[in-house]
Amino acid sequence: MGPYSIGVDLGGTNLRAAAVNETGKVLERVSVPANYDAGPLDVVTEIVGVIGKVRDRLPQGTLRGVGIGVPGFIDIDAGVVVGSSNLPGFNDFPVRDEIQKHLGIPIILENDANAAALGEKWIGAGQNVKDLILLTLGTGIGGGVITDGKILHGSQGMAGEFGHMTVFPDGNPCGCGNTGCLEKHASATAIAAMGRMMHFGQEINTAEDVFNLAQAGNERAHWVFDAMGRALGIALASLINAFNFPLYLLSGGPLPAWDFFAPSMLAEVRKRSFTFARTGTRIEKALLGADAGLLGAAYLPLQETLAREEVTR
C-alpha cells in the first residue's frame, strides 16, 4: 500500500477518523460517540484511540501524518486551541503535542471550517480553481478562505470568521457582543428562531421544521428563507467585492432549502456586487457534505508532499 494520511473530525456528536490516500480515496474510517465534556486528557486518549483503530485496520503503508479539524480558534504554530465553546477545558491545552507524544507521527491542527474548505478544493466543488471561499451554515456560520490552493489563516489564525460579518447594523444581538451578525440571520439556528417568531400554529424546534412548512407551501415559511437569502446575499456581495475569487461555496444543514433562499440571495448579490453581475463569478453548493472537514484534515499532511512532487515533475 502506498502513502496515506489520517484525518480526524471533532464533530458535535461523533469523533470521526479516516485514512485517505494521495488521490483522495477513503481507505478506512472509524466513528465513535464524542464525549468532549470528559476533559482534554480523556479526549486526547479517545483521539489517539480512533487514529490507532484506523491505522491498525490497514496493511503496511507510509503514514504521512494526521490532520485534525477542531471547532474553534487554533494557534497553528503552537498546536493549541485558543478558544472553543465545544471543547471545554481545551483552551491553551497542548493538544497537538499530547497526541504526537502518544503516536510519534506528525500532527497538524486546523480549524474545522478551514479544513472543510481545503477538502472542497482538493476533491470537491473547488477542484478547478485555485481560490475559493466556503461558508458553513450550521448552528452558527463558519468559513474558510483558500488562496493559491492553501488555507488563508491571517496573522492570528482567525481569518474566515464570516459568521460575524455585520449584515444588518441594527439587527439581532449576537453572543460575540455585536448586533446584526450574519449567523444571527442566516444560520440553521436563526432559521428556527425566525420560524418560532412567525407563530405558525405548531411547534418549531429546528430549521428543518421551517423547511417542511415551506415545502408544504406555507407563505410565511417562504418569508423566513427570503430573509435568510437576503442576509447571505449581502455578505457574499461584500466577499466578492473584497476578494474577486471565482468561486463561493455554501455547505451545511440548510442546503436542501437552496431553492427557497437562493433567489433572494442571488438578487441581493447582483444588486450589491458589480463584479458578480458582470463576470462569471459562481456561487454554488459544496459537494462533500459532512466529509469535507474529514477529507480536508487528511489532506493537510499530504499537501506539502504532493506540492513537492508537482515541482519535481
Protein backbone atom coordinates (compact mmCIF):
# COMPACT_ATOMS: atom_id res chain seq x y z
CA MET A 1 0.00 0.00 0.00
CA GLY A 2 1.26 3.49 -0.84
CA PRO A 3 1.37 6.72 1.16
CA TYR A 4 -1.71 7.83 3.07
CA SER A 5 -2.71 10.16 5.86
CA ILE A 6 -5.38 10.16 8.55
CA GLY A 7 -7.94 12.91 9.01
CA VAL A 8 -9.84 13.44 12.26
CA ASP A 9 -13.03 15.46 12.65
CA LEU A 10 -14.21 16.53 16.11
CA GLY A 11 -17.88 16.75 15.20
CA GLY A 12 -20.69 17.79 17.52
CA THR A 13 -21.87 14.27 18.34
CA ASN A 14 -19.22 11.96 16.85
CA LEU A 15 -15.45 11.74 16.75
CA ARG A 16 -14.52 10.51 13.28
CA ALA A 17 -11.26 9.42 11.67
CA ALA A 18 -10.48 8.29 8.13
CA ALA A 19 -7.40 7.08 6.26
CA VAL A 20 -7.13 8.72 2.85
CA ASN A 21 -4.61 8.09 0.08
CA GLU A 22 -3.00 10.68 -2.19
CA THR A 23 -5.85 10.52 -4.74
CA GLY A 24 -8.48 11.28 -2.08
CA LYS A 25 -9.79 7.72 -1.79
CA VAL A 26 -11.03 6.81 1.70
CA LEU A 27 -9.29 3.56 2.66
CA GLU A 28 -10.80 3.08 6.11
CA ARG A 29 -12.95 5.04 8.56
CA VAL A 30 -13.99 4.90 12.22
CA SER A 31 -16.65 6.85 14.13
CA VAL A 32 -17.26 6.81 17.89
CA PRO A 33 -19.59 8.87 20.10
CA ALA A 34 -17.91 12.05 21.30
CA ASN A 35 -17.63 12.95 24.98
CA TYR A 36 -15.88 16.32 24.95
CA ASP A 37 -17.03 17.13 28.50
CA ALA A 38 -14.69 14.43 29.83
CA GLY A 39 -11.77 16.84 29.76
CA PRO A 40 -8.78 17.26 27.45
CA LEU A 41 -6.71 14.28 28.63
CA ASP A 42 -9.60 11.84 28.15
CA VAL A 43 -10.48 13.35 24.78
CA VAL A 44 -6.85 13.06 23.66
CA THR A 45 -6.98 9.38 24.66
CA GLU A 46 -10.12 8.96 22.52
CA ILE A 47 -8.49 10.72 19.55
CA VAL A 48 -5.37 8.55 19.85
CA GLY A 49 -7.65 5.51 20.04
CA VAL A 50 -9.58 6.21 16.83
CA ILE A 51 -6.36 7.02 14.97
CA GLY A 52 -4.92 3.72 16.18
CA LYS A 53 -8.03 1.80 15.09
CA VAL A 54 -7.81 3.22 11.57
CA ARG A 55 -4.08 2.56 11.29
CA ASP A 56 -4.40 -1.00 12.61
CA ARG A 57 -7.04 -1.89 10.01
CA LEU A 58 -4.71 -1.08 7.11
CA PRO A 59 -1.88 -3.10 5.60
CA GLN A 60 1.59 -1.67 5.99
CA GLY A 61 1.93 1.69 4.23
CA THR A 62 3.57 5.05 4.62
CA LEU A 63 1.59 7.18 7.06
CA ARG A 64 2.45 10.80 6.23
CA GLY A 65 0.79 12.24 9.32
CA VAL A 66 -2.53 13.16 10.92
CA GLY A 67 -4.64 16.26 10.37
CA ILE A 68 -7.27 17.19 12.97
CA GLY A 69 -10.18 19.55 12.33
CA VAL A 70 -11.15 21.37 15.53
CA PRO A 71 -14.17 23.66 16.08
CA GLY A 72 -12.75 26.92 17.37
CA PHE A 73 -9.76 29.24 17.13
CA ILE A 74 -6.44 27.45 16.65
CA ASP A 75 -2.90 28.68 17.17
CA ILE A 76 -1.41 26.66 14.30
CA ASP A 77 2.24 27.18 15.23
CA ALA A 78 1.77 26.31 18.90
CA GLY A 79 -0.68 23.47 18.22
CA VAL A 80 -3.16 24.68 20.83
CA VAL A 81 -6.85 25.60 20.90
CA VAL A 82 -7.15 29.31 21.70
CA GLY A 83 -10.92 29.20 22.17
CA SER A 84 -13.74 26.73 21.53
CA SER A 85 -17.23 26.60 23.01
CA ASN A 86 -17.47 22.91 22.00
CA LEU A 87 -14.29 21.80 23.78
CA PRO A 88 -14.44 22.81 27.45
CA GLY A 89 -11.08 22.85 29.17
CA PHE A 90 -9.09 22.83 25.96
CA ASN A 91 -8.07 26.49 25.91
CA ASP A 92 -4.27 26.70 25.81
CA PHE A 93 -4.02 22.93 26.26
CA PRO A 94 -1.15 21.47 24.14
CA VAL A 95 -3.42 19.21 22.06
CA ARG A 96 -1.01 18.63 19.18
CA ASP A 97 1.98 17.80 21.36
CA GLU A 98 -0.03 15.47 23.62
CA ILE A 99 -1.32 13.47 20.65
CA GLN A 100 2.10 13.48 18.98
CA LYS A 101 3.65 12.17 22.19
CA HIS A 102 1.40 9.10 22.06
CA LEU A 103 1.74 8.41 18.34
CA GLY A 104 5.18 9.65 17.33
CA ILE A 105 3.93 10.94 13.96
CA PRO A 106 3.40 14.49 12.65
CA ILE A 107 0.13 16.07 13.82
CA ILE A 108 -1.45 19.19 12.29
CA LEU A 109 -4.32 21.04 14.00
CA GLU A 110 -6.69 23.13 11.90
CA ASN A 111 -9.99 24.95 12.30
CA ASP A 112 -12.78 22.65 11.09
CA ALA A 113 -14.27 25.14 8.59
CA ASN A 114 -10.81 25.78 7.12
CA ALA A 115 -10.34 22.03 6.79
CA ALA A 116 -13.72 21.75 5.04
CA ALA A 117 -12.75 24.50 2.57
CA LEU A 118 -9.49 22.67 1.83
CA GLY A 119 -11.37 19.40 1.32
CA GLU A 120 -13.66 21.06 -1.24
CA LYS A 121 -10.62 22.49 -3.02
CA TRP A 122 -8.88 19.13 -3.11
CA ILE A 123 -11.58 16.73 -4.28
CA GLY A 124 -14.89 18.62 -4.06
CA ALA A 125 -16.56 21.52 -5.82
CA GLY A 126 -13.36 23.59 -5.99
CA GLN A 127 -11.06 21.25 -7.89
CA ASN A 128 -10.93 23.51 -10.94
CA VAL A 129 -9.96 26.74 -9.13
CA LYS A 130 -7.03 27.93 -7.01
CA ASP A 131 -9.03 30.44 -4.97
CA LEU A 132 -12.36 29.92 -3.21
CA ILE A 133 -14.39 30.80 -0.14
CA LEU A 134 -16.59 28.37 1.77
CA LEU A 135 -19.40 29.38 4.13
CA THR A 136 -20.54 26.64 6.51
CA LEU A 137 -24.16 27.09 7.60
CA GLY A 138 -24.94 25.30 10.85
CA THR A 139 -25.60 26.19 14.47
CA GLY A 140 -23.51 29.26 13.64
CA ILE A 141 -21.75 30.22 10.44
CA GLY A 142 -18.09 29.50 9.86
CA GLY A 143 -15.93 29.86 6.83
CA GLY A 144 -12.65 29.17 5.13
CA VAL A 145 -10.59 31.01 2.54
CA ILE A 146 -8.41 29.12 0.08
CA THR A 147 -5.93 31.18 -1.92
CA ASP A 148 -3.48 29.63 -4.37
CA GLY A 149 -4.65 26.25 -3.10
CA LYS A 150 -3.78 26.90 0.54
CA ILE A 151 -5.68 27.98 3.65
CA LEU A 152 -5.53 31.69 4.44
CA HIS A 153 -5.07 31.96 8.21
CA GLY A 154 -4.48 35.66 8.82
CA SER A 155 -1.96 36.93 11.34
CA GLN A 156 -3.61 35.21 14.34
CA GLY A 157 -5.21 32.26 12.56
CA MET A 158 -8.68 33.81 12.71
CA ALA A 159 -9.34 34.63 9.05
CA GLY A 160 -12.63 33.43 7.63
CA GLU A 161 -14.91 34.20 10.58
CA PHE A 162 -17.68 35.23 8.21
CA GLY A 163 -20.45 34.44 10.68
CA HIS A 164 -19.58 37.66 12.50
CA MET A 165 -19.71 39.94 9.49
CA THR A 166 -22.32 42.65 10.09
CA VAL A 167 -25.15 42.36 7.58
CA PHE A 168 -27.77 44.45 9.41
CA PRO A 169 -26.27 47.16 11.70
CA ASP A 170 -29.37 47.23 13.91
CA GLY A 171 -30.09 43.51 13.62
CA ASN A 172 -30.33 40.69 16.13
CA PRO A 173 -27.90 40.68 19.09
CA CYS A 174 -25.11 38.12 18.92
CA GLY A 175 -23.19 36.38 21.69
CA CYS A 176 -19.99 37.95 20.34
CA GLY A 177 -21.24 41.36 21.54
CA ASN A 178 -22.16 42.70 18.11
CA THR A 179 -25.62 43.13 16.58
CA GLY A 180 -26.66 42.04 13.11
CA CYS A 181 -24.06 39.30 12.62
CA LEU A 182 -24.60 37.05 9.59
CA GLU A 183 -25.02 33.95 11.76
CA LYS A 184 -27.88 35.58 13.68
CA HIS A 185 -29.77 35.99 10.38
CA ALA A 186 -28.77 33.06 8.15
CA SER A 187 -27.66 30.06 10.23
CA ALA A 188 -29.81 27.00 10.95
CA THR A 189 -30.30 28.41 14.46
CA ALA A 190 -31.50 31.72 13.00
CA ILE A 191 -33.95 29.97 10.65
CA ALA A 192 -35.50 28.11 13.60
CA ALA A 193 -35.65 31.31 15.67
CA MET A 194 -37.39 33.22 12.87
CA GLY A 195 -39.80 30.32 12.49
CA ARG A 196 -40.74 30.48 16.16
CA MET A 197 -41.36 34.22 15.87
CA MET A 198 -43.72 33.67 12.92
CA HIS A 199 -46.24 31.78 15.11
CA PHE A 200 -47.02 29.05 12.60
CA GLY A 201 -49.52 27.41 14.91
CA GLN A 202 -47.29 24.44 15.58
CA GLU A 203 -44.10 23.78 17.50
CA ILE A 204 -40.98 24.88 15.64
CA ASN A 205 -37.75 23.41 17.01
CA THR A 206 -35.41 23.22 14.03
CA ALA A 207 -34.65 24.77 10.67
CA GLU A 208 -35.94 21.55 9.14
CA ASP A 209 -39.39 22.24 10.63
CA VAL A 210 -39.47 25.58 8.78
CA PHE A 211 -38.22 23.88 5.60
CA ASN A 212 -41.01 21.30 5.78
CA LEU A 213 -43.59 24.09 6.08
CA ALA A 214 -42.07 25.89 3.09
CA GLN A 215 -42.22 22.67 1.07
CA ALA A 216 -45.88 22.36 2.00
CA GLY A 217 -46.47 25.82 0.52
CA ASN A 218 -46.65 27.91 3.69
CA GLU A 219 -46.12 31.50 2.52
CA ARG A 220 -44.71 32.76 5.82
CA ALA A 221 -42.15 29.96 5.88
CA HIS A 222 -41.03 31.23 2.48
CA TRP A 223 -40.59 34.69 4.05
CA VAL A 224 -38.12 33.17 6.51
CA PHE A 225 -35.96 31.81 3.70
CA ASP A 226 -36.26 35.07 1.76
CA ALA A 227 -34.85 36.88 4.81
CA MET A 228 -32.09 34.31 5.17
CA GLY A 229 -31.20 34.65 1.49
CA ARG A 230 -31.05 38.42 1.73
CA ALA A 231 -28.59 38.25 4.65
CA LEU A 232 -26.41 35.75 2.79
CA GLY A 233 -26.53 37.88 -0.34
CA ILE A 234 -25.33 40.98 1.50
CA ALA A 235 -22.41 39.04 2.99
CA LEU A 236 -21.50 37.32 -0.26
CA ALA A 237 -21.57 40.58 -2.21
CA SER A 238 -19.07 42.06 0.25
CA LEU A 239 -16.83 39.00 -0.04
CA ILE A 240 -16.97 39.08 -3.84
CA ASN A 241 -16.16 42.78 -3.89
CA ALA A 242 -13.25 42.26 -1.48
CA PHE A 243 -11.67 39.07 -2.84
CA ASN A 244 -12.69 38.79 -6.53
CA PHE A 245 -12.42 34.99 -6.29
CA PRO A 246 -14.04 32.81 -8.97
CA LEU A 247 -15.98 30.52 -6.59
CA TYR A 248 -18.01 30.87 -3.37
CA LEU A 249 -19.44 27.71 -1.80
CA LEU A 250 -22.18 27.09 0.76
CA SER A 251 -22.43 23.95 2.89
CA GLY A 252 -24.38 22.72 5.90
CA GLY A 253 -27.80 21.57 7.05
CA PRO A 254 -29.91 24.32 5.39
CA LEU A 255 -28.63 23.45 1.89
CA PRO A 256 -31.77 21.42 0.95
CA ALA A 257 -33.66 24.75 1.16
CA TRP A 258 -31.48 26.20 -1.65
CA ASP A 259 -34.42 26.74 -3.98
CA PHE A 260 -36.17 28.76 -1.27
CA PHE A 261 -33.30 31.07 -0.23
CA ALA A 262 -31.16 31.25 -3.40
CA PRO A 263 -33.45 33.60 -5.39
CA SER A 264 -33.31 36.40 -2.80
CA MET A 265 -29.62 35.66 -2.13
CA LEU A 266 -28.62 35.97 -5.78
CA ALA A 267 -30.82 39.03 -6.35
CA GLU A 268 -29.09 40.76 -3.43
CA VAL A 269 -25.61 39.82 -4.74
CA ARG A 270 -26.42 41.09 -8.23
CA LYS A 271 -27.64 44.36 -6.77
CA ARG A 272 -24.64 44.89 -4.50
CA SER A 273 -21.71 43.48 -6.50
CA PHE A 274 -20.76 44.86 -9.92
CA THR A 275 -18.20 42.05 -10.17
CA PHE A 276 -20.83 39.33 -9.71
CA ALA A 277 -23.27 40.98 -12.10
CA ARG A 278 -20.67 41.41 -14.87
CA THR A 279 -18.41 38.35 -14.61
CA GLY A 280 -18.61 34.58 -14.34
CA THR A 281 -18.25 34.52 -10.56
CA ARG A 282 -20.00 31.42 -9.21
CA ILE A 283 -21.98 30.81 -6.02
CA GLU A 284 -22.64 27.08 -5.66
CA LYS A 285 -23.39 24.25 -3.27
CA ALA A 286 -20.41 22.44 -1.75
CA LEU A 287 -20.26 18.77 -2.75
CA LEU A 288 -18.62 16.79 0.07
CA GLY A 289 -21.18 17.31 2.83
CA ALA A 290 -20.12 16.17 6.29
CA ASP A 291 -16.96 14.56 4.86
CA ALA A 292 -15.44 17.86 3.70
CA GLY A 293 -13.71 18.58 7.01
CA LEU A 294 -12.56 14.98 7.42
CA LEU A 295 -11.02 14.88 3.93
CA GLY A 296 -9.53 18.35 4.26
CA ALA A 297 -7.92 17.39 7.56
CA ALA A 298 -6.45 14.29 5.93
CA TYR A 299 -5.10 16.41 3.08
CA LEU A 300 -3.10 18.67 5.42
CA PRO A 301 -0.18 16.22 5.92
CA LEU A 302 -0.27 15.26 2.21
CA GLN A 303 -0.35 18.79 0.81
CA GLU A 304 3.34 19.62 1.15
CA THR A 305 4.38 16.20 -0.13
CA LEU A 306 2.16 16.47 -3.20
CA ALA A 307 3.36 20.03 -3.84
CA ARG A 308 6.99 18.90 -3.77
CA GLU A 309 6.23 16.08 -6.18
CA GLU A 310 4.46 18.52 -8.51
CA VAL A 311 7.55 20.77 -8.57
CA THR A 312 9.90 17.90 -9.44
CA ARG A 313 7.77 16.65 -12.32
